[in-house]
Each structure stands twice: as structure tokens, then as C-alpha cells.
PDB file of N, CA and C in Angstrom:
ATOM      1  N   MET A   1       2.237  10.264  17.365  1.00  0.00           N
ATOM      2  CA  MET A   1       3.396  11.168  16.614  1.00  0.00           C
ATOM      3  C   MET A   1       3.541  11.372  15.247  1.00  0.00           C
ATOM      4  N   GLY A   2       2.829  10.238  14.499  1.00  0.00           N
ATOM      5  CA  GLY A   2       2.801  10.615  12.892  1.00  0.00           C
ATOM      6  C   GLY A   2       2.006  11.724  12.843  1.00  0.00           C
ATOM      7  N   ALA A   3       0.962  11.875  13.538  1.00  0.00           N
ATOM      8  CA  ALA A   3       0.093  13.026  13.375  1.00  0.00           C
ATOM      9  C   ALA A   3       0.651  14.540  13.571  1.00  0.00           C
ATOM     10  N   ARG A   4       1.530  14.476  14.845  1.00  0.00           N
ATOM     11  CA  ARG A   4       2.075  15.551  15.027  1.00  0.00           C
ATOM     12  C   ARG A   4       3.209  15.753  13.882  1.00  0.00           C
ATOM     13  N   ILE A   5       3.661  15.140  13.266  1.00  0.00           N
ATOM     14  CA  ILE A   5       4.769  15.309  12.428  1.00  0.00           C
ATOM     15  C   ILE A   5       4.270  15.784  11.308  1.00  0.00           C
ATOM     16  N   LEU A   6       2.978  15.129  11.060  1.00  0.00           N
ATOM     17  CA  LEU A   6       2.400  15.556   9.567  1.00  0.00           C
ATOM     18  C   LEU A   6       1.402  17.177   9.966  1.00  0.00           C
ATOM     19  N   GLY A   7       1.206  17.517  11.283  1.00  0.00           N
ATOM     20  CA  GLY A   7       0.696  18.491  11.688  1.00  0.00           C
ATOM     21  C   GLY A   7      -0.924  18.095  11.580  1.00  0.00           C
ATOM     22  N   GLU A   8      -1.487  17.138  11.832  1.00  0.00           N
ATOM     23  CA  GLU A   8      -2.908  16.495  11.776  1.00  0.00           C
ATOM     24  C   GLU A   8      -3.403  16.240  13.137  1.00  0.00           C
ATOM     25  N   GLU A   9      -4.802  16.156  13.205  1.00  0.00           N
ATOM     26  CA  GLU A   9      -5.081  15.628  14.367  1.00  0.00           C
ATOM     27  C   GLU A   9      -4.786  14.185  14.410  1.00  0.00           C
ATOM     28  N   PRO A  10      -4.727  13.098  15.212  1.00  0.00           N
ATOM     29  CA  PRO A  10      -4.491  11.858  15.452  1.00  0.00           C
ATOM     30  C   PRO A  10      -5.749  11.431  14.684  1.00  0.00           C
ATOM     31  N   PRO A  11      -5.735  10.221  13.902  1.00  0.00           N
ATOM     32  CA  PRO A  11      -6.733   9.786  13.301  1.00  0.00           C
ATOM     33  C   PRO A  11      -8.137   8.819  14.265  1.00  0.00           C
ATOM     34  N   HIS A  12      -7.871   8.917  15.292  1.00  0.00           N
ATOM     35  CA  HIS A  12      -9.099   8.220  15.971  1.00  0.00           C
ATOM     36  C   HIS A  12      -9.006   9.231  17.486  1.00  0.00           C
ATOM     37  N   ASN A  13      -8.592  10.540  17.690  1.00  0.00           N
ATOM     38  CA  ASN A  13      -8.382  10.897  18.734  1.00  0.00           C
ATOM     39  C   ASN A  13      -7.430  10.472  19.728  1.00  0.00           C
ATOM     40  N   GLU A  14      -6.573   9.467  19.392  1.00  0.00           N
ATOM     41  CA  GLU A  14      -5.775   8.858  20.391  1.00  0.00           C
ATOM     42  C   GLU A  14      -5.498   9.986  21.230  1.00  0.00           C
ATOM     43  N   ARG A  15      -4.768   9.929  22.494  1.00  0.00           N
ATOM     44  CA  ARG A  15      -4.018  11.140  23.406  1.00  0.00           C
ATOM     45  C   ARG A  15      -3.695   9.946  24.826  1.00  0.00           C
ATOM     46  N   ASN A  16      -1.859  10.333  24.961  1.00  0.00           N
ATOM     47  CA  ASN A  16      -1.453   9.576  25.759  1.00  0.00           C
ATOM     48  C   ASN A  16      -1.289   7.888  25.755  1.00  0.00           C
ATOM     49  N   GLU A  17      -0.932   7.713  24.523  1.00  0.00           N
ATOM     50  CA  GLU A  17      -0.893   6.032  24.280  1.00  0.00           C
ATOM     51  C   GLU A  17      -2.287   5.236  24.178  1.00  0.00           C
ATOM     52  N   THR A  18      -3.552   5.814  24.434  1.00  0.00           N
ATOM     53  CA  THR A  18      -4.608   5.391  24.446  1.00  0.00           C
ATOM     54  C   THR A  18      -5.306   4.949  23.076  1.00  0.00           C
ATOM     55  N   ALA A  19      -5.892   3.663  22.929  1.00  0.00           N
ATOM     56  CA  ALA A  19      -6.347   3.323  22.016  1.00  0.00           C
ATOM     57  C   ALA A  19      -7.965   3.767  21.941  1.00  0.00           C
ATOM     58  N   PRO A  20      -8.958   3.552  21.223  1.00  0.00           N
ATOM     59  CA  PRO A  20      -9.999   3.873  21.314  1.00  0.00           C
ATOM     60  C   PRO A  20     -10.516   3.028  22.037  1.00  0.00           C
ATOM     61  N   ASP A  21     -11.850   2.960  22.804  1.00  0.00           N
ATOM     62  CA  ASP A  21     -12.176   1.969  23.388  1.00  0.00           C
ATOM     63  C   ASP A  21     -13.445   0.965  22.688  1.00  0.00           C
ATOM     64  N   SER A  22     -13.084   1.246  21.479  1.00  0.00           N
ATOM     65  CA  SER A  22     -13.825   0.161  20.645  1.00  0.00           C
ATOM     66  C   SER A  22     -12.828  -0.889  20.325  1.00  0.00           C
ATOM     67  N   ILE A  23     -11.794  -0.474  20.186  1.00  0.00           N
ATOM     68  CA  ILE A  23     -10.489  -1.613  19.725  1.00  0.00           C
ATOM     69  C   ILE A  23     -10.791  -2.529  21.232  1.00  0.00           C
ATOM     70  N   ARG A  24     -10.869  -3.684  20.558  1.00  0.00           N
ATOM     71  CA  ARG A  24     -11.253  -4.951  21.901  1.00  0.00           C
ATOM     72  C   ARG A  24     -10.282  -6.179  22.002  1.00  0.00           C
ATOM     73  N   THR A  25     -10.878  -6.937  20.319  1.00  0.00           N
ATOM     74  CA  THR A  25     -10.053  -7.989  20.439  1.00  0.00           C
ATOM     75  C   THR A  25      -8.752  -8.110  20.044  1.00  0.00           C
ATOM     76  N   LYS A  26      -7.862  -9.197  19.441  1.00  0.00           N
ATOM     77  CA  LYS A  26      -6.916  -9.623  19.113  1.00  0.00           C
ATOM     78  C   LYS A  26      -6.418  -9.009  18.134  1.00  0.00           C
ATOM     79  N   ALA A  27      -7.533  -9.068  17.255  1.00  0.00           N
ATOM     80  CA  ALA A  27      -7.513  -8.818  15.785  1.00  0.00           C
ATOM     81  C   ALA A  27      -7.717  -7.404  15.663  1.00  0.00           C
ATOM     82  N   GLU A  28      -8.370  -6.873  16.274  1.00  0.00           N
ATOM     83  CA  GLU A  28      -8.128  -5.383  16.253  1.00  0.00           C
ATOM     84  C   GLU A  28      -7.244  -4.404  16.470  1.00  0.00           C
ATOM     85  N   ILE A  29      -6.715  -5.250  17.769  1.00  0.00           N
ATOM     86  CA  ILE A  29      -5.578  -4.571  18.362  1.00  0.00           C
ATOM     87  C   ILE A  29      -4.151  -4.881  17.556  1.00  0.00           C
ATOM     88  N   VAL A  30      -4.085  -5.779  16.669  1.00  0.00           N
ATOM     89  CA  VAL A  30      -3.268  -6.159  15.748  1.00  0.00           C
ATOM     90  C   VAL A  30      -3.350  -5.181  14.411  1.00  0.00           C
ATOM     91  N   GLU A  31      -4.288  -4.928  14.151  1.00  0.00           N
ATOM     92  CA  GLU A  31      -4.526  -4.067  12.687  1.00  0.00           C
ATOM     93  C   GLU A  31      -4.719  -2.730  13.287  1.00  0.00           C
ATOM     94  N   TYR A  32      -4.670  -2.338  14.453  1.00  0.00           N
ATOM     95  CA  TYR A  32      -4.686  -0.875  14.755  1.00  0.00           C
ATOM     96  C   TYR A  32      -3.254  -0.725  14.883  1.00  0.00           C
ATOM     97  N   LEU A  33      -2.571  -1.438  15.228  1.00  0.00           N
ATOM     98  CA  LEU A  33      -0.954  -1.481  15.423  1.00  0.00           C
ATOM     99  C   LEU A  33      -0.382  -1.394  14.262  1.00  0.00           C
ATOM    100  N   ARG A  34      -0.817  -2.135  13.377  1.00  0.00           N
ATOM    101  CA  ARG A  34      -0.277  -2.271  11.815  1.00  0.00           C
ATOM    102  C   ARG A  34      -0.623  -1.042  11.444  1.00  0.00           C
ATOM    103  N   ALA A  35      -1.790  -0.355  11.242  1.00  0.00           N
ATOM    104  CA  ALA A  35      -2.188   0.862  11.021  1.00  0.00           C
ATOM    105  C   ALA A  35      -1.290   1.997  11.533  1.00  0.00           C
ATOM    106  N   SER A  36      -0.943   1.872  12.905  1.00  0.00           N
ATOM    107  CA  SER A  36      -0.174   2.835  13.322  1.00  0.00           C
ATOM    108  C   SER A  36       1.307   3.113  12.660  1.00  0.00           C
ATOM    109  N   PHE A  37       1.997   2.013  12.538  1.00  0.00           N
ATOM    110  CA  PHE A  37       3.208   1.865  11.819  1.00  0.00           C
ATOM    111  C   PHE A  37       3.127   2.755  10.423  1.00  0.00           C
ATOM    112  N   VAL A  38       2.139   2.309   9.870  1.00  0.00           N
ATOM    113  CA  VAL A  38       1.564   2.748   7.996  1.00  0.00           C
ATOM    114  C   VAL A  38       1.320   4.423   8.234  1.00  0.00           C
ATOM    115  N   TYR A  39       0.890   4.574   9.232  1.00  0.00           N
ATOM    116  CA  TYR A  39       0.935   6.195   9.355  1.00  0.00           C
ATOM    117  C   TYR A  39       1.667   6.889   9.920  1.00  0.00           C
ATOM    118  N   LEU A  40       3.102   6.039  10.501  1.00  0.00           N
ATOM    119  CA  LEU A  40       4.439   6.408  10.982  1.00  0.00           C
ATOM    120  C   LEU A  40       5.182   6.654   9.463  1.00  0.00           C
ATOM    121  N   HIS A  41       5.017   5.685   8.823  1.00  0.00           N
ATOM    122  CA  HIS A  41       5.623   5.586   7.954  1.00  0.00           C
ATOM    123  C   HIS A  41       5.197   6.672   6.950  1.00  0.00           C
ATOM    124  N   LYS A  42       4.001   6.953   6.779  1.00  0.00           N
ATOM    125  CA  LYS A  42       3.539   7.890   5.789  1.00  0.00           C
ATOM    126  C   LYS A  42       4.250   9.676   6.175  1.00  0.00           C
ATOM    127  N   ALA A  43       4.180   9.423   7.382  1.00  0.00           N
ATOM    128  CA  ALA A  43       4.808  11.032   8.150  1.00  0.00           C
ATOM    129  C   ALA A  43       6.092  10.836   7.725  1.00  0.00           C
ATOM    130  N   ALA A  44       6.958   9.978   7.888  1.00  0.00           N
ATOM    131  CA  ALA A  44       8.436   9.915   7.427  1.00  0.00           C
ATOM    132  C   ALA A  44       8.726  10.143   6.030  1.00  0.00           C
ATOM    133  N   ALA A  45       7.619   9.653   5.021  1.00  0.00           N
ATOM    134  CA  ALA A  45       7.711   9.944   3.639  1.00  0.00           C
ATOM    135  C   ALA A  45       7.539  11.588   3.582  1.00  0.00           C
ATOM    136  N   THR A  46       7.582  12.419   4.327  1.00  0.00           N
ATOM    137  CA  THR A  46       7.646  13.734   4.126  1.00  0.00           C
ATOM    138  C   THR A  46       8.478  14.207   4.244  1.00  0.00           C
ATOM    139  N   PHE A  47       9.557  13.825   4.966  1.00  0.00           N
ATOM    140  CA  PHE A  47      11.106  14.263   5.757  1.00  0.00           C
ATOM    141  C   PHE A  47      11.713  14.515   4.277  1.00  0.00           C
ATOM    142  N   ASN A  48      12.507  15.673   4.353  1.00  0.00           N
ATOM    143  CA  ASN A  48      13.374  16.368   3.271  1.00  0.00           C
ATOM    144  C   ASN A  48      14.365  17.291   3.885  1.00  0.00           C
ATOM    145  N   ASP A  49      15.296  17.419   3.206  1.00  0.00           N
ATOM    146  CA  ASP A  49      16.543  18.294   3.988  1.00  0.00           C
ATOM    147  C   ASP A  49      15.940  19.559   4.266  1.00  0.00           C
ATOM    148  N   ASN A  50      14.827  20.082   3.779  1.00  0.00           N
ATOM    149  CA  ASN A  50      14.384  21.346   4.353  1.00  0.00           C
ATOM    150  C   ASN A  50      14.033  21.626   5.497  1.00  0.00           C
ATOM    151  N   ASN A  51      12.780  20.232   5.806  1.00  0.00           N
ATOM    152  CA  ASN A  51      12.031  20.421   6.802  1.00  0.00           C
ATOM    153  C   ASN A  51      12.448  19.506   8.299  1.00  0.00           C
ATOM    154  N   LEU A  52      13.477  18.525   8.002  1.00  0.00           N
ATOM    155  CA  LEU A  52      13.674  17.362   8.809  1.00  0.00           C
ATOM    156  C   LEU A  52      14.174  17.972  10.387  1.00  0.00           C
ATOM    157  N   VAL A  53      14.853  19.263  10.850  1.00  0.00           N
ATOM    158  CA  VAL A  53      15.088  19.614  11.586  1.00  0.00           C
ATOM    159  C   VAL A  53      14.551  20.829  12.152  1.00  0.00           C
ATOM    160  N   VAL A  54      13.473  21.223  11.440  1.00  0.00           N
ATOM    161  CA  VAL A  54      12.946  22.728  11.768  1.00  0.00           C
ATOM    162  C   VAL A  54      11.707  22.473  12.778  1.00  0.00           C
ATOM    163  N   PRO A  55      11.810  23.006  14.082  1.00  0.00           N
ATOM    164  CA  PRO A  55      10.836  23.096  14.802  1.00  0.00           C
ATOM    165  C   PRO A  55       9.497  22.713  14.594  1.00  0.00           C
ATOM    166  N   ILE A  56       8.534  21.888  14.853  1.00  0.00           N
ATOM    167  CA  ILE A  56       7.168  21.685  14.404  1.00  0.00           C
ATOM    168  C   ILE A  56       6.535  22.798  15.687  1.00  0.00           C
ATOM    169  N   PRO A  57       5.540  23.374  14.920  1.00  0.00           N
ATOM    170  CA  PRO A  57       4.538  24.481  15.597  1.00  0.00           C
ATOM    171  C   PRO A  57       3.752  23.588  16.665  1.00  0.00           C
ATOM    172  N   GLY A  58       3.545  24.505  17.916  1.00  0.00           N
ATOM    173  CA  GLY A  58       3.174  23.576  19.130  1.00  0.00           C
ATOM    174  C   GLY A  58       3.447  22.469  20.012  1.00  0.00           C
ATOM    175  N   THR A  59       4.816  21.980  19.171  1.00  0.00           N
ATOM    176  CA  THR A  59       5.431  21.036  20.004  1.00  0.00           C
ATOM    177  C   THR A  59       6.136  21.333  21.492  1.00  0.00           C
ATOM    178  N   THR A  60       6.668  20.786  22.162  1.00  0.00           N
ATOM    179  CA  THR A  60       7.411  21.085  23.224  1.00  0.00           C
ATOM    180  C   THR A  60       8.363  20.046  23.132  1.00  0.00           C
ATOM    181  N   GLY A  61       9.220  20.459  24.474  1.00  0.00           N
ATOM    182  CA  GLY A  61      10.301  19.351  24.955  1.00  0.00           C
ATOM    183  C   GLY A  61      11.677  19.961  23.831  1.00  0.00           C
ATOM    184  N   SER A  62      12.772  19.089  24.016  1.00  0.00           N
ATOM    185  CA  SER A  62      14.304  19.743  23.513  1.00  0.00           C
ATOM    186  C   SER A  62      14.001  19.065  22.215  1.00  0.00           C
ATOM    187  N   TRP A  63      14.452  17.835  22.208  1.00  0.00           N
ATOM    188  CA  TRP A  63      14.974  17.121  20.937  1.00  0.00           C
ATOM    189  C   TRP A  63      13.408  16.694  20.075  1.00  0.00           C
ATOM    190  N   GLN A  64      12.383  16.355  20.989  1.00  0.00           N
ATOM    191  CA  GLN A  64      11.260  16.136  20.466  1.00  0.00           C
ATOM    192  C   GLN A  64      10.198  17.193  19.650  1.00  0.00           C
ATOM    193  N   ARG A  65      10.903  18.084  19.216  1.00  0.00           N
ATOM    194  CA  ARG A  65      10.077  19.739  18.510  1.00  0.00           C
ATOM    195  C   ARG A  65      10.248  19.591  16.908  1.00  0.00           C
ATOM    196  N   THR A  66      11.167  18.534  16.571  1.00  0.00           N
ATOM    197  CA  THR A  66      11.435  18.129  14.891  1.00  0.00           C
ATOM    198  C   THR A  66      10.891  17.123  14.624  1.00  0.00           C
ATOM    199  N   ARG A  67      10.897  16.735  13.052  1.00  0.00           N
ATOM    200  CA  ARG A  67      10.199  15.670  12.672  1.00  0.00           C
ATOM    201  C   ARG A  67      11.143  14.696  13.116  1.00  0.00           C
ATOM    202  N   LEU A  68      12.577  14.870  13.059  1.00  0.00           N
ATOM    203  CA  LEU A  68      13.583  13.779  12.829  1.00  0.00           C
ATOM    204  C   LEU A  68      13.350  13.194  14.594  1.00  0.00           C
ATOM    205  N   GLY A  69      13.226  14.296  15.593  1.00  0.00           N
ATOM    206  CA  GLY A  69      13.336  13.787  17.051  1.00  0.00           C
ATOM    207  C   GLY A  69      11.850  13.404  17.257  1.00  0.00           C
ATOM    208  N   LEU A  70      10.885  13.456  16.432  1.00  0.00           N
ATOM    209  CA  LEU A  70       9.783  12.749  16.793  1.00  0.00           C
ATOM    210  C   LEU A  70       9.887  11.497  16.599  1.00  0.00           C
ATOM    211  N   SER A  71      10.292  11.458  15.349  1.00  0.00           N
ATOM    212  CA  SER A  71      10.640   9.531  14.548  1.00  0.00           C
ATOM    213  C   SER A  71      11.544   8.894  15.383  1.00  0.00           C
ATOM    214  N   ILE A  72      12.714   9.592  15.799  1.00  0.00           N
ATOM    215  CA  ILE A  72      13.563   8.994  16.888  1.00  0.00           C
ATOM    216  C   ILE A  72      12.793   8.539  18.091  1.00  0.00           C
ATOM    217  N   ASP A  73      11.816   9.507  18.617  1.00  0.00           N
ATOM    218  CA  ASP A  73      11.234   9.391  20.066  1.00  0.00           C
ATOM    219  C   ASP A  73      10.498   7.854  19.499  1.00  0.00           C
ATOM    220  N   ALA A  74       9.652   7.856  18.368  1.00  0.00           N
ATOM    221  CA  ALA A  74       8.393   6.816  18.038  1.00  0.00           C
ATOM    222  C   ALA A  74       9.831   5.223  18.075  1.00  0.00           C
ATOM    223  N   ILE A  75      10.824   5.398  17.617  1.00  0.00           N
ATOM    224  CA  ILE A  75      11.093   4.253  17.511  1.00  0.00           C
ATOM    225  C   ILE A  75      11.813   3.622  18.778  1.00  0.00           C
ATOM    226  N   ALA A  76      12.190   4.385  19.639  1.00  0.00           N
ATOM    227  CA  ALA A  76      12.702   4.137  20.566  1.00  0.00           C
ATOM    228  C   ALA A  76      12.101   3.841  21.576  1.00  0.00           C
ATOM    229  N   HIS A  77      10.898   4.503  21.569  1.00  0.00           N
ATOM    230  CA  HIS A  77       9.644   4.272  22.113  1.00  0.00           C
ATOM    231  C   HIS A  77       8.873   2.778  22.189  1.00  0.00           C
ATOM    232  N   ALA A  78       8.773   2.447  20.754  1.00  0.00           N
ATOM    233  CA  ALA A  78       8.576   1.072  20.475  1.00  0.00           C
ATOM    234  C   ALA A  78       9.675  -0.138  21.156  1.00  0.00           C
ATOM    235  N   TYR A  79      10.704  -0.026  20.795  1.00  0.00           N
ATOM    236  CA  TYR A  79      11.823  -0.663  21.315  1.00  0.00           C
ATOM    237  C   TYR A  79      11.568  -0.731  23.045  1.00  0.00           C
ATOM    238  N   ASP A  80      10.841   0.064  23.612  1.00  0.00           N
ATOM    239  CA  ASP A  80      11.012   0.550  24.957  1.00  0.00           C
ATOM    240  C   ASP A  80       9.769  -0.638  25.447  1.00  0.00           C
ATOM    241  N   HIS A  81       8.594  -0.903  24.446  1.00  0.00           N
ATOM    242  CA  HIS A  81       7.528  -1.708  24.724  1.00  0.00           C
ATOM    243  C   HIS A  81       7.937  -3.188  24.254  1.00  0.00           C
ATOM    244  N   TYR A  82       8.452  -3.212  23.006  1.00  0.00           N
ATOM    245  CA  TYR A  82       9.303  -4.349  22.807  1.00  0.00           C
ATOM    246  C   TYR A  82       9.926  -5.208  23.881  1.00  0.00           C
ATOM    247  N   GLY A  83      11.156  -4.302  24.998  1.00  0.00           N
ATOM    248  CA  GLY A  83      11.375  -4.704  26.135  1.00  0.00           C
ATOM    249  C   GLY A  83      10.494  -5.130  27.040  1.00  0.00           C
ATOM    250  N   GLN A  84       9.697  -4.608  27.003  1.00  0.00           N
ATOM    251  CA  GLN A  84       8.922  -5.092  28.527  1.00  0.00           C
ATOM    252  C   GLN A  84       8.096  -6.468  27.683  1.00  0.00           C
ATOM    253  N   ILE A  85       7.661  -6.591  26.540  1.00  0.00           N
ATOM    254  CA  ILE A  85       7.113  -7.587  26.198  1.00  0.00           C
ATOM    255  C   ILE A  85       7.966  -9.189  26.152  1.00  0.00           C
ATOM    256  N   VAL A  86       9.322  -8.847  26.038  1.00  0.00           N
ATOM    257  CA  VAL A  86      10.182  -9.855  26.041  1.00  0.00           C
ATOM    258  C   VAL A  86      10.181 -10.312  27.908  1.00  0.00           C
ATOM    259  N   GLU A  87      10.013  -9.100  28.652  1.00  0.00           N
ATOM    260  CA  GLU A  87      10.247  -9.498  30.052  1.00  0.00           C
ATOM    261  C   GLU A  87       9.141 -10.466  30.409  1.00  0.00           C
ATOM    262  N   TYR A  88       8.112  -9.824  29.680  1.00  0.00           N
ATOM    263  CA  TYR A  88       6.919 -10.630  30.303  1.00  0.00           C
ATOM    264  C   TYR A  88       6.445 -12.202  29.907  1.00  0.00           C
ATOM    265  N   LEU A  89       6.854 -12.371  28.455  1.00  0.00           N
ATOM    266  CA  LEU A  89       7.258 -13.512  28.032  1.00  0.00           C
ATOM    267  C   LEU A  89       8.201 -14.507  28.727  1.00  0.00           C
ATOM    268  N   ARG A  90       9.227 -14.073  29.142  1.00  0.00           N
ATOM    269  CA  ARG A  90      10.510 -14.449  30.022  1.00  0.00           C
ATOM    270  C   ARG A  90       9.725 -14.952  31.279  1.00  0.00           C
ATOM    271  N   MET A  91       9.107 -13.864  32.059  1.00  0.00           N
ATOM    272  CA  MET A  91       8.622 -14.344  33.408  1.00  0.00           C
ATOM    273  C   MET A  91       7.471 -15.415  33.245  1.00  0.00           C
ATOM    274  N   ASN A  92       6.854 -15.496  32.013  1.00  0.00           N
ATOM    275  CA  ASN A  92       6.025 -16.472  31.757  1.00  0.00           C
ATOM    276  C   ASN A  92       6.533 -17.671  31.425  1.00  0.00           C
ATOM    277  N   GLY A  93       7.976 -17.990  31.211  1.00  0.00           N
ATOM    278  CA  GLY A  93       8.384 -19.126  30.826  1.00  0.00           C
ATOM    279  C   GLY A  93       8.403 -19.467  29.282  1.00  0.00           C
ATOM    280  N   ILE A  94       8.189 -18.309  28.561  1.00  0.00           N
ATOM    281  CA  ILE A  94       8.443 -18.157  27.212  1.00  0.00           C
ATOM    282  C   ILE A  94       9.758 -17.500  26.635  1.00  0.00           C
ATOM    283  N   VAL A  95      10.490 -18.355  25.609  1.00  0.00           N
ATOM    284  CA  VAL A  95      11.435 -17.778  24.679  1.00  0.00           C
ATOM    285  C   VAL A  95      11.014 -16.676  23.682  1.00  0.00           C
ATOM    286  N   PRO A  96      11.335 -15.558  23.958  1.00  0.00           N
ATOM    287  CA  PRO A  96      10.581 -14.739  22.809  1.00  0.00           C
ATOM    288  C   PRO A  96      11.623 -15.409  21.416  1.00  0.00           C
ATOM    289  N   PRO A  97      10.712 -14.868  20.200  1.00  0.00           N
ATOM    290  CA  PRO A  97      11.274 -15.404  18.858  1.00  0.00           C
ATOM    291  C   PRO A  97      12.769 -15.205  18.837  1.00  0.00           C
ATOM    292  N   ALA A  98      12.989 -13.620  19.234  1.00  0.00           N
ATOM    293  CA  ALA A  98      14.167 -13.459  18.500  1.00  0.00           C
ATOM    294  C   ALA A  98      15.456 -13.793  19.211  1.00  0.00           C
ATOM    295  N   SER A  99      14.779 -14.893  20.433  1.00  0.00           N
ATOM    296  CA  SER A  99      15.888 -15.700  21.136  1.00  0.00           C
ATOM    297  C   SER A  99      15.845 -17.203  20.842  1.00  0.00           C
ATOM    298  N   ARG A 100      15.057 -17.656  20.278  1.00  0.00           N
ATOM    299  CA  ARG A 100      14.966 -18.729  19.755  1.00  0.00           C
ATOM    300  C   ARG A 100      16.059 -19.390  18.660  1.00  0.00           C
TER     301      ARG A 100
END
């Protein structure tokens, strides 16, 4: 989503939430995740009053066509994954850190 906001190609040619096959270890996954948030912050730093709700060329959908819409989608999507992680932890008898 950061790449779409910036009008760039994804840095590792990501498509449909799929990371490159070369990312395998826990350390690589954590670094990849951190870098994705850095990239999204870079995209958010380009927001201004003149471009926040202007449709981005080549985007589809309704509210996801603008920088604001894509950034809201990215945040909401991260919370979806967080919820899945919480359920996974609870199903395995682990209390999530935020609930301790």
C-alpha cells in the first residue's frame, strides 16, 4: 500500500500480501515486517492538504483510491492480523501481551 501511495512498484515485487520466497527465518520475517512499516511511514510523510483525498491513478475500489483511504486500509488491515494473532495465542493457551 505504501508503494501505491508513492506511485512506485513494490520494493520486492510483492503481490497479494505475499513476501518474497527468500524470506524464511524469524529474523528475516521480523526485519521485513519492520521495513514495511518504515515504508508506510515514508508514504504517509508525503501527505498534504492538496493530495490527501485526490484519487491515485490506477487504483480501484471506492474509498481505497486516495492516500487517506489506502492508509486507513493499511491500519485496519494490520489490526485484522493482530486479532488473528491474539486468537491463535489464546487457542494455544498463551495470554497475549496486551492482556497481561
